[in-house]
Amino acid sequence: MARKWDGGRIDLGWVLLGLTGAADDRARLMEALGQHGVKGALPAALALAGEHQRLDGLWAGAAELAVSNALREAAYVVLGGEAPPVVVRDDMAEEPEDRVQRAAEDAALRERMGMADEGAWRWGAAATAEGMTGVAETLGPRPRRWCLAGLALVGRAAGAVWDDVSNGEGD
């Protein structure tokens, strides 16, 4: 499904292409970046594919909340749970003081991601199955789903993630 991507925005398809890590799939993600810019899960997909250093120049547009949020999600992929949480949805009004705080956090994230070595991502396409298994339970629901999808792609058993739909009430 992901490889039949027809050019429109498709977050799940982008993430799947990023998880495979294949050169052709990385090229498709760069094509999507040219068509759509910094949108949705695309930066995270690039980070999953090990292309996080290509994201460095994109922080210039992070004054726009949607761009900032997308790049923060990519930072989560590269840096793990240390990335600051996104507290404002793309469609919400942002208070001036929140904008100032986000700008300061974004600058720090950009610097940290720029210093990350190749292969520093914790559970992307180039991570080992053992490495992904080791961090799966430390991640929030959305990135944990991607981590488990990565494990499934390399033939490892992967459990379901229920807490993102049950608000923690599920078993």
N, C-alpha and C. Protein backbone atom coordinates (compact mmCIF):
# COMPACT_ATOMS: atom_id res chain seq x y z
N MET A 1 0.83 -1.19 0.00
CA MET A 1 0.00 0.00 0.00
C MET A 1 0.87 1.25 0.00
N ALA A 2 1.87 1.28 0.88
CA ALA A 2 2.72 2.47 0.99
C ALA A 2 3.50 2.71 -0.30
N ARG A 3 3.94 1.65 -0.94
CA ARG A 3 4.74 1.81 -2.16
C ARG A 3 3.89 2.19 -3.36
N LYS A 4 2.58 2.12 -3.24
CA LYS A 4 1.69 2.57 -4.32
C LYS A 4 1.25 4.00 -4.10
N TRP A 5 1.91 4.69 -3.17
CA TRP A 5 1.59 6.08 -2.84
C TRP A 5 1.51 6.90 -4.11
N ASP A 6 0.42 7.67 -4.24
CA ASP A 6 0.17 8.39 -5.50
C ASP A 6 0.49 9.87 -5.42
N GLY A 7 1.13 10.30 -4.35
CA GLY A 7 1.54 11.69 -4.26
C GLY A 7 0.77 12.51 -3.25
N GLY A 8 -0.41 12.04 -2.82
CA GLY A 8 -1.17 12.76 -1.81
C GLY A 8 -0.60 12.54 -0.42
N ARG A 9 -1.10 13.31 0.55
CA ARG A 9 -0.63 13.12 1.93
C ARG A 9 -1.16 11.81 2.48
N ILE A 10 -0.26 10.98 3.01
CA ILE A 10 -0.65 9.72 3.60
C ILE A 10 0.33 9.38 4.71
N ASP A 11 0.03 9.85 5.92
CA ASP A 11 0.94 9.70 7.06
C ASP A 11 1.36 8.26 7.30
N LEU A 12 0.39 7.35 7.31
CA LEU A 12 0.71 5.95 7.59
C LEU A 12 1.65 5.39 6.52
N GLY A 13 1.38 5.72 5.26
CA GLY A 13 2.26 5.26 4.18
C GLY A 13 3.67 5.78 4.36
N TRP A 14 3.80 7.05 4.73
CA TRP A 14 5.14 7.62 4.94
C TRP A 14 5.87 6.90 6.06
N VAL A 15 5.17 6.64 7.17
CA VAL A 15 5.80 5.96 8.30
C VAL A 15 6.25 4.56 7.89
N LEU A 16 5.43 3.85 7.14
CA LEU A 16 5.81 2.51 6.70
C LEU A 16 7.04 2.56 5.79
N LEU A 17 7.10 3.54 4.89
CA LEU A 17 8.28 3.68 4.03
C LEU A 17 9.52 3.98 4.88
N GLY A 18 9.34 4.81 5.91
CA GLY A 18 10.46 5.11 6.79
C GLY A 18 10.94 3.89 7.56
N LEU A 19 10.00 3.07 8.01
CA LEU A 19 10.36 1.88 8.78
C LEU A 19 11.12 0.86 7.95
N THR A 20 10.87 0.78 6.65
CA THR A 20 11.59 -0.21 5.86
C THR A 20 13.06 0.16 5.73
N GLY A 21 13.37 1.45 5.65
CA GLY A 21 14.76 1.88 5.52
C GLY A 21 15.37 1.66 4.16
N ALA A 22 14.61 1.13 3.20
CA ALA A 22 15.14 0.85 1.86
C ALA A 22 15.48 2.16 1.13
N ALA A 23 16.52 2.13 0.31
CA ALA A 23 16.96 3.33 -0.40
C ALA A 23 15.85 3.91 -1.28
N ASP A 24 15.12 3.05 -1.99
CA ASP A 24 14.03 3.54 -2.84
C ASP A 24 12.93 4.20 -2.00
N ASP A 25 12.68 3.64 -0.83
CA ASP A 25 11.64 4.20 0.04
C ASP A 25 12.09 5.54 0.62
N ARG A 26 13.36 5.66 0.95
CA ARG A 26 13.88 6.95 1.43
C ARG A 26 13.78 8.00 0.33
N ALA A 27 14.03 7.59 -0.91
CA ALA A 27 13.91 8.53 -2.04
C ALA A 27 12.47 8.99 -2.19
N ARG A 28 11.52 8.10 -1.99
CA ARG A 28 10.10 8.48 -2.08
C ARG A 28 9.74 9.49 -0.99
N LEU A 29 10.32 9.30 0.20
CA LEU A 29 10.06 10.24 1.29
C LEU A 29 10.61 11.62 0.96
N MET A 30 11.77 11.67 0.34
CA MET A 30 12.34 12.96 -0.05
C MET A 30 11.47 13.60 -1.14
N GLU A 31 10.92 12.78 -2.02
CA GLU A 31 9.98 13.27 -3.03
C GLU A 31 8.74 13.87 -2.36
N ALA A 32 8.23 13.18 -1.34
CA ALA A 32 7.06 13.67 -0.61
C ALA A 32 7.39 14.99 0.09
N LEU A 33 8.60 15.11 0.62
CA LEU A 33 9.01 16.35 1.28
C LEU A 33 9.00 17.50 0.28
N GLY A 34 9.44 17.24 -0.95
CA GLY A 34 9.41 18.26 -1.99
C GLY A 34 8.00 18.66 -2.37
N GLN A 35 7.07 17.71 -2.34
CA GLN A 35 5.69 17.99 -2.72
C GLN A 35 4.87 18.62 -1.61
N HIS A 36 5.09 18.16 -0.39
CA HIS A 36 4.20 18.53 0.72
C HIS A 36 4.85 19.41 1.77
N GLY A 37 6.16 19.50 1.77
CA GLY A 37 6.83 20.25 2.81
C GLY A 37 6.80 19.49 4.13
N VAL A 38 7.01 20.21 5.19
CA VAL A 38 7.09 19.60 6.53
C VAL A 38 5.67 19.43 7.05
N LYS A 39 5.09 18.27 6.81
CA LYS A 39 3.69 18.02 7.17
C LYS A 39 3.57 16.71 7.93
N GLY A 40 2.69 16.70 8.91
CA GLY A 40 2.29 15.47 9.58
C GLY A 40 3.43 14.58 10.01
N ALA A 41 3.35 13.32 9.62
CA ALA A 41 4.31 12.31 10.04
C ALA A 41 5.53 12.23 9.13
N LEU A 42 5.62 13.10 8.12
CA LEU A 42 6.73 13.00 7.17
C LEU A 42 8.10 13.18 7.83
N PRO A 43 8.32 14.20 8.67
CA PRO A 43 9.63 14.29 9.32
C PRO A 43 9.95 13.07 10.19
N ALA A 44 8.95 12.55 10.90
CA ALA A 44 9.17 11.36 11.72
C ALA A 44 9.54 10.18 10.83
N ALA A 45 8.89 10.06 9.67
CA ALA A 45 9.22 8.97 8.75
C ALA A 45 10.66 9.08 8.27
N LEU A 46 11.11 10.30 7.97
CA LEU A 46 12.51 10.49 7.56
C LEU A 46 13.45 10.11 8.70
N ALA A 47 13.09 10.47 9.92
CA ALA A 47 13.92 10.10 11.06
C ALA A 47 13.93 8.59 11.26
N LEU A 48 12.78 7.94 11.07
CA LEU A 48 12.72 6.49 11.19
C LEU A 48 13.64 5.82 10.17
N ALA A 49 13.78 6.41 9.01
CA ALA A 49 14.63 5.86 7.95
C ALA A 49 16.10 6.20 8.16
N GLY A 50 16.41 6.93 9.23
CA GLY A 50 17.80 7.31 9.48
C GLY A 50 18.23 8.57 8.77
N GLU A 51 17.26 9.31 8.23
CA GLU A 51 17.56 10.54 7.47
C GLU A 51 17.34 11.78 8.32
N HIS A 52 17.45 11.64 9.64
CA HIS A 52 17.10 12.77 10.51
C HIS A 52 18.01 13.97 10.31
N GLN A 53 19.24 13.77 9.87
CA GLN A 53 20.13 14.92 9.70
C GLN A 53 19.68 15.80 8.53
N ARG A 54 18.90 15.24 7.61
CA ARG A 54 18.35 16.05 6.52
C ARG A 54 17.29 17.03 7.01
N LEU A 55 16.79 16.82 8.22
CA LEU A 55 15.74 17.67 8.76
C LEU A 55 16.29 18.97 9.33
N ASP A 56 17.60 19.07 9.50
CA ASP A 56 18.18 20.21 10.20
C ASP A 56 17.76 21.54 9.60
N GLY A 57 17.84 21.70 8.29
CA GLY A 57 17.51 22.97 7.67
C GLY A 57 16.03 23.31 7.71
N LEU A 58 15.18 22.34 8.04
CA LEU A 58 13.73 22.57 8.02
C LEU A 58 13.24 23.31 9.25
N TRP A 59 14.07 23.41 10.28
CA TRP A 59 13.65 24.10 11.50
C TRP A 59 13.45 25.58 11.26
N ALA A 60 13.97 26.11 10.16
CA ALA A 60 13.78 27.54 9.87
C ALA A 60 12.31 27.90 9.77
N GLY A 61 11.48 26.94 9.37
CA GLY A 61 10.04 27.20 9.25
C GLY A 61 9.25 26.83 10.48
N ALA A 62 9.94 26.56 11.60
CA ALA A 62 9.27 26.04 12.78
C ALA A 62 8.46 27.09 13.53
N ALA A 63 8.48 28.35 13.10
CA ALA A 63 7.58 29.32 13.72
C ALA A 63 6.13 28.93 13.47
N GLU A 64 5.88 28.24 12.37
CA GLU A 64 4.55 27.71 12.07
C GLU A 64 4.32 26.49 12.95
N LEU A 65 3.23 26.48 13.69
CA LEU A 65 2.99 25.45 14.69
C LEU A 65 2.99 24.04 14.09
N ALA A 66 2.37 23.86 12.94
CA ALA A 66 2.32 22.53 12.34
C ALA A 66 3.71 22.02 11.99
N VAL A 67 4.59 22.92 11.53
CA VAL A 67 5.97 22.53 11.21
C VAL A 67 6.72 22.18 12.49
N SER A 68 6.57 23.02 13.50
CA SER A 68 7.22 22.76 14.79
C SER A 68 6.78 21.41 15.36
N ASN A 69 5.49 21.14 15.35
CA ASN A 69 4.98 19.89 15.90
C ASN A 69 5.51 18.69 15.13
N ALA A 70 5.55 18.79 13.80
CA ALA A 70 6.04 17.67 12.99
C ALA A 70 7.51 17.41 13.27
N LEU A 71 8.30 18.46 13.41
CA LEU A 71 9.73 18.29 13.69
C LEU A 71 9.96 17.81 15.11
N ARG A 72 9.11 18.21 16.04
CA ARG A 72 9.22 17.70 17.41
C ARG A 72 8.98 16.20 17.43
N GLU A 73 8.02 15.75 16.64
CA GLU A 73 7.76 14.31 16.58
C GLU A 73 8.98 13.57 16.04
N ALA A 74 9.63 14.16 15.04
CA ALA A 74 10.86 13.56 14.52
C ALA A 74 11.95 13.53 15.60
N ALA A 75 11.99 14.58 16.42
CA ALA A 75 12.97 14.61 17.51
C ALA A 75 12.71 13.48 18.49
N TYR A 76 11.44 13.17 18.72
CA TYR A 76 11.10 12.05 19.60
C TYR A 76 11.69 10.76 19.04
N VAL A 77 11.61 10.58 17.73
CA VAL A 77 12.16 9.38 17.10
C VAL A 77 13.66 9.29 17.35
N VAL A 78 14.35 10.41 17.16
CA VAL A 78 15.81 10.41 17.26
C VAL A 78 16.28 10.39 18.70
N LEU A 79 15.66 11.19 19.56
CA LEU A 79 16.15 11.40 20.91
C LEU A 79 15.39 10.61 21.96
N GLY A 80 14.31 9.96 21.58
CA GLY A 80 13.52 9.21 22.55
C GLY A 80 12.63 10.12 23.37
N GLY A 81 12.25 9.69 24.55
CA GLY A 81 11.30 10.41 25.38
C GLY A 81 11.82 11.72 25.93
N GLU A 82 13.08 12.07 25.61
CA GLU A 82 13.63 13.32 26.13
C GLU A 82 13.09 14.53 25.38
N ALA A 83 12.49 14.34 24.20
CA ALA A 83 11.94 15.47 23.46
C ALA A 83 10.77 16.05 24.23
N PRO A 84 10.67 17.40 24.31
CA PRO A 84 9.55 17.98 25.06
C PRO A 84 8.22 17.62 24.41
N PRO A 85 7.19 17.40 25.22
CA PRO A 85 5.89 17.04 24.66
C PRO A 85 5.26 18.21 23.91
N VAL A 86 4.48 17.88 22.91
CA VAL A 86 3.72 18.91 22.19
C VAL A 86 2.45 19.17 22.98
N VAL A 87 2.26 20.41 23.41
CA VAL A 87 1.12 20.70 24.28
C VAL A 87 0.01 21.45 23.55
N VAL A 88 0.24 21.86 22.32
CA VAL A 88 -0.75 22.63 21.57
C VAL A 88 -1.00 21.93 20.24
N ARG A 89 -2.26 21.63 19.95
CA ARG A 89 -2.60 21.03 18.66
C ARG A 89 -2.42 22.06 17.55
N ASP A 90 -2.21 21.57 16.33
CA ASP A 90 -1.98 22.46 15.19
C ASP A 90 -3.13 23.44 14.97
N ASP A 91 -4.35 23.04 15.34
CA ASP A 91 -5.52 23.87 15.04
C ASP A 91 -5.95 24.75 16.22
N MET A 92 -5.14 24.79 17.27
CA MET A 92 -5.50 25.59 18.44
C MET A 92 -4.78 26.93 18.42
N ALA A 93 -5.41 27.92 19.03
CA ALA A 93 -4.76 29.23 19.18
C ALA A 93 -3.63 29.07 20.19
N GLU A 94 -2.51 29.69 19.89
CA GLU A 94 -1.33 29.57 20.75
C GLU A 94 -1.08 30.89 21.47
N GLU A 95 -0.93 30.83 22.77
CA GLU A 95 -0.65 32.03 23.55
C GLU A 95 0.77 32.52 23.25
N PRO A 96 1.00 33.83 23.31
CA PRO A 96 2.34 34.36 23.01
C PRO A 96 3.44 33.74 23.85
N GLU A 97 3.17 33.53 25.15
CA GLU A 97 4.21 32.95 26.00
C GLU A 97 4.51 31.50 25.62
N ASP A 98 3.49 30.77 25.13
CA ASP A 98 3.71 29.40 24.66
C ASP A 98 4.58 29.41 23.41
N ARG A 99 4.35 30.39 22.54
CA ARG A 99 5.13 30.50 21.31
C ARG A 99 6.61 30.74 21.64
N VAL A 100 6.86 31.60 22.61
CA VAL A 100 8.24 31.90 23.03
C VAL A 100 8.91 30.64 23.60
N GLN A 101 8.18 29.92 24.45
CA GLN A 101 8.73 28.70 25.04
C GLN A 101 9.01 27.66 23.97
N ARG A 102 8.07 27.50 23.04
CA ARG A 102 8.25 26.51 21.97
C ARG A 102 9.46 26.86 21.12
N ALA A 103 9.64 28.15 20.81
CA ALA A 103 10.79 28.57 20.01
C ALA A 103 12.10 28.23 20.71
N ALA A 104 12.15 28.42 22.02
CA ALA A 104 13.37 28.09 22.78
C ALA A 104 13.61 26.58 22.77
N GLU A 105 12.54 25.81 22.97
CA GLU A 105 12.68 24.36 22.96
C GLU A 105 13.07 23.85 21.58
N ASP A 106 12.48 24.43 20.54
CA ASP A 106 12.81 24.01 19.18
C ASP A 106 14.28 24.24 18.87
N ALA A 107 14.83 25.38 19.31
CA ALA A 107 16.24 25.66 19.07
C ALA A 107 17.12 24.63 19.75
N ALA A 108 16.76 24.24 20.97
CA ALA A 108 17.53 23.23 21.69
C ALA A 108 17.42 21.87 21.01
N LEU A 109 16.21 21.51 20.55
CA LEU A 109 16.03 20.23 19.85
C LEU A 109 16.81 20.20 18.55
N ARG A 110 16.77 21.30 17.81
CA ARG A 110 17.51 21.36 16.55
C ARG A 110 19.00 21.13 16.80
N GLU A 111 19.54 21.76 17.83
CA GLU A 111 20.96 21.59 18.14
C GLU A 111 21.26 20.15 18.52
N ARG A 112 20.41 19.56 19.36
CA ARG A 112 20.65 18.18 19.79
C ARG A 112 20.53 17.20 18.64
N MET A 113 19.54 17.41 17.77
CA MET A 113 19.40 16.50 16.62
C MET A 113 20.58 16.66 15.67
N GLY A 114 21.08 17.87 15.52
CA GLY A 114 22.22 18.09 14.65
C GLY A 114 23.48 17.42 15.16
N MET A 115 23.58 17.25 16.47
CA MET A 115 24.75 16.61 17.06
C MET A 115 24.63 15.09 17.11
N ALA A 116 23.43 14.56 16.87
CA ALA A 116 23.23 13.12 16.94
C ALA A 116 23.99 12.43 15.81
N ASP A 117 24.71 11.40 16.16
CA ASP A 117 25.48 10.65 15.17
C ASP A 117 24.55 9.88 14.25
N GLU A 118 25.08 9.47 13.09
CA GLU A 118 24.33 8.57 12.24
C GLU A 118 24.03 7.30 13.03
N GLY A 119 22.82 6.81 12.91
CA GLY A 119 22.43 5.61 13.63
C GLY A 119 22.02 5.86 15.06
N ALA A 120 21.84 7.14 15.42
CA ALA A 120 21.49 7.45 16.80
C ALA A 120 20.01 7.23 17.09
N TRP A 121 19.18 7.11 16.05
CA TRP A 121 17.75 6.90 16.29
C TRP A 121 17.58 5.60 17.07
N ARG A 122 16.57 5.56 17.91
CA ARG A 122 16.48 4.46 18.87
C ARG A 122 15.64 3.29 18.38
N TRP A 123 14.74 3.50 17.47
CA TRP A 123 13.88 2.39 17.06
C TRP A 123 13.41 2.53 15.63
N GLY A 124 14.23 3.14 14.79
CA GLY A 124 13.91 3.30 13.38
C GLY A 124 14.38 2.12 12.56
N ALA A 125 14.41 2.31 11.25
CA ALA A 125 14.70 1.21 10.33
C ALA A 125 16.07 0.61 10.57
N ALA A 126 17.04 1.42 10.97
CA ALA A 126 18.40 0.90 11.15
C ALA A 126 18.65 0.37 12.55
N ALA A 127 17.67 0.46 13.43
CA ALA A 127 17.83 -0.08 14.78
C ALA A 127 17.76 -1.59 14.73
N THR A 128 18.43 -2.26 15.65
CA THR A 128 18.34 -3.71 15.74
C THR A 128 17.03 -4.09 16.41
N ALA A 129 16.60 -5.31 16.16
CA ALA A 129 15.38 -5.80 16.82
C ALA A 129 15.54 -5.76 18.33
N GLU A 130 16.74 -6.09 18.82
CA GLU A 130 16.98 -6.07 20.26
C GLU A 130 16.85 -4.64 20.80
N GLY A 131 17.39 -3.69 20.04
CA GLY A 131 17.30 -2.30 20.47
C GLY A 131 15.87 -1.81 20.51
N MET A 132 15.09 -2.17 19.48
CA MET A 132 13.68 -1.75 19.46
C MET A 132 12.91 -2.39 20.59
N THR A 133 13.17 -3.68 20.86
CA THR A 133 12.48 -4.37 21.95
C THR A 133 12.79 -3.71 23.28
N GLY A 134 14.04 -3.27 23.44
CA GLY A 134 14.47 -2.67 24.69
C GLY A 134 13.79 -1.36 25.01
N VAL A 135 13.38 -0.60 23.99
CA VAL A 135 12.77 0.70 24.26
C VAL A 135 11.26 0.73 24.05
N ALA A 136 10.68 -0.33 23.51
CA ALA A 136 9.26 -0.30 23.14
C ALA A 136 8.37 0.13 24.29
N GLU A 137 8.61 -0.40 25.47
CA GLU A 137 7.72 -0.11 26.60
C GLU A 137 7.96 1.27 27.21
N THR A 138 9.01 1.96 26.80
CA THR A 138 9.28 3.28 27.35
C THR A 138 8.63 4.39 26.53
N LEU A 139 8.05 4.05 25.38
CA LEU A 139 7.52 5.04 24.46
C LEU A 139 6.04 5.30 24.70
N GLY A 140 5.59 6.48 24.28
CA GLY A 140 4.17 6.79 24.31
C GLY A 140 3.43 5.96 23.27
N PRO A 141 2.08 5.97 23.29
CA PRO A 141 1.30 5.09 22.42
C PRO A 141 1.61 5.20 20.93
N ARG A 142 1.69 6.43 20.38
CA ARG A 142 1.89 6.55 18.93
C ARG A 142 3.27 6.05 18.50
N PRO A 143 4.35 6.52 19.13
CA PRO A 143 5.64 5.97 18.71
C PRO A 143 5.80 4.50 19.05
N ARG A 144 5.12 4.02 20.12
CA ARG A 144 5.21 2.60 20.42
C ARG A 144 4.59 1.77 19.30
N ARG A 145 3.50 2.27 18.70
CA ARG A 145 2.90 1.56 17.55
C ARG A 145 3.92 1.44 16.43
N TRP A 146 4.67 2.53 16.15
CA TRP A 146 5.64 2.47 15.07
C TRP A 146 6.78 1.52 15.40
N CYS A 147 7.19 1.53 16.67
CA CYS A 147 8.25 0.62 17.11
C CYS A 147 7.81 -0.83 16.91
N LEU A 148 6.58 -1.14 17.32
CA LEU A 148 6.07 -2.50 17.17
C LEU A 148 5.92 -2.86 15.70
N ALA A 149 5.54 -1.89 14.87
CA ALA A 149 5.47 -2.15 13.42
C ALA A 149 6.86 -2.48 12.89
N GLY A 150 7.88 -1.78 13.37
CA GLY A 150 9.25 -2.08 12.96
C GLY A 150 9.65 -3.49 13.36
N LEU A 151 9.27 -3.91 14.55
CA LEU A 151 9.57 -5.28 14.99
C LEU A 151 8.87 -6.30 14.09
N ALA A 152 7.61 -6.00 13.75
CA ALA A 152 6.88 -6.92 12.86
C ALA A 152 7.55 -7.02 11.50
N LEU A 153 8.10 -5.90 11.01
CA LEU A 153 8.76 -5.92 9.71
C LEU A 153 10.00 -6.80 9.70
N VAL A 154 10.66 -6.95 10.84
CA VAL A 154 11.85 -7.81 10.89
C VAL A 154 11.51 -9.19 11.43
N GLY A 155 10.21 -9.52 11.47
CA GLY A 155 9.78 -10.87 11.81
C GLY A 155 9.69 -11.16 13.29
N ARG A 156 9.68 -10.13 14.13
CA ARG A 156 9.56 -10.35 15.57
C ARG A 156 8.11 -10.23 15.99
N ALA A 157 7.73 -10.97 17.01
CA ALA A 157 6.39 -10.86 17.56
C ALA A 157 6.23 -9.48 18.17
N ALA A 158 5.09 -8.88 17.96
CA ALA A 158 4.82 -7.54 18.50
C ALA A 158 3.41 -7.51 19.05
N GLY A 159 3.27 -7.03 20.27
CA GLY A 159 1.95 -6.97 20.89
C GLY A 159 1.17 -5.76 20.42
N ALA A 160 -0.08 -5.70 20.82
CA ALA A 160 -0.94 -4.57 20.47
C ALA A 160 -0.73 -3.43 21.46
N VAL A 161 -1.07 -2.24 21.02
CA VAL A 161 -1.02 -1.07 21.90
C VAL A 161 -2.45 -0.63 22.15
N TRP A 162 -2.89 -0.81 23.38
CA TRP A 162 -4.29 -0.51 23.69
C TRP A 162 -4.47 0.81 24.41
N ASP A 163 -3.43 1.29 25.10
CA ASP A 163 -3.65 2.46 25.95
C ASP A 163 -3.92 3.74 25.18
N ASP A 164 -3.68 3.75 23.87
CA ASP A 164 -3.99 4.95 23.12
C ASP A 164 -5.48 5.07 22.82
N VAL A 165 -6.23 4.00 22.96
CA VAL A 165 -7.67 4.07 22.72
C VAL A 165 -8.47 3.89 23.99
N SER A 166 -7.84 3.36 25.03
CA SER A 166 -8.59 3.08 26.27
C SER A 166 -8.24 4.04 27.39
N ASN A 167 -7.36 5.01 27.12
CA ASN A 167 -6.92 5.96 28.15
C ASN A 167 -6.34 5.25 29.37
N GLY A 168 -5.64 4.15 29.13
CA GLY A 168 -4.97 3.47 30.22
C GLY A 168 -5.83 2.52 31.00
N GLU A 169 -7.09 2.39 30.62
CA GLU A 169 -7.99 1.52 31.38
C GLU A 169 -7.90 0.08 30.92
N GLY A 170 -7.33 -0.15 29.73
CA GLY A 170 -7.25 -1.49 29.21
C GLY A 170 -6.16 -2.30 29.88
N ASP A 171 -6.16 -3.59 29.63
CA ASP A 171 -5.18 -4.48 30.23
C ASP A 171 -3.97 -4.56 29.34
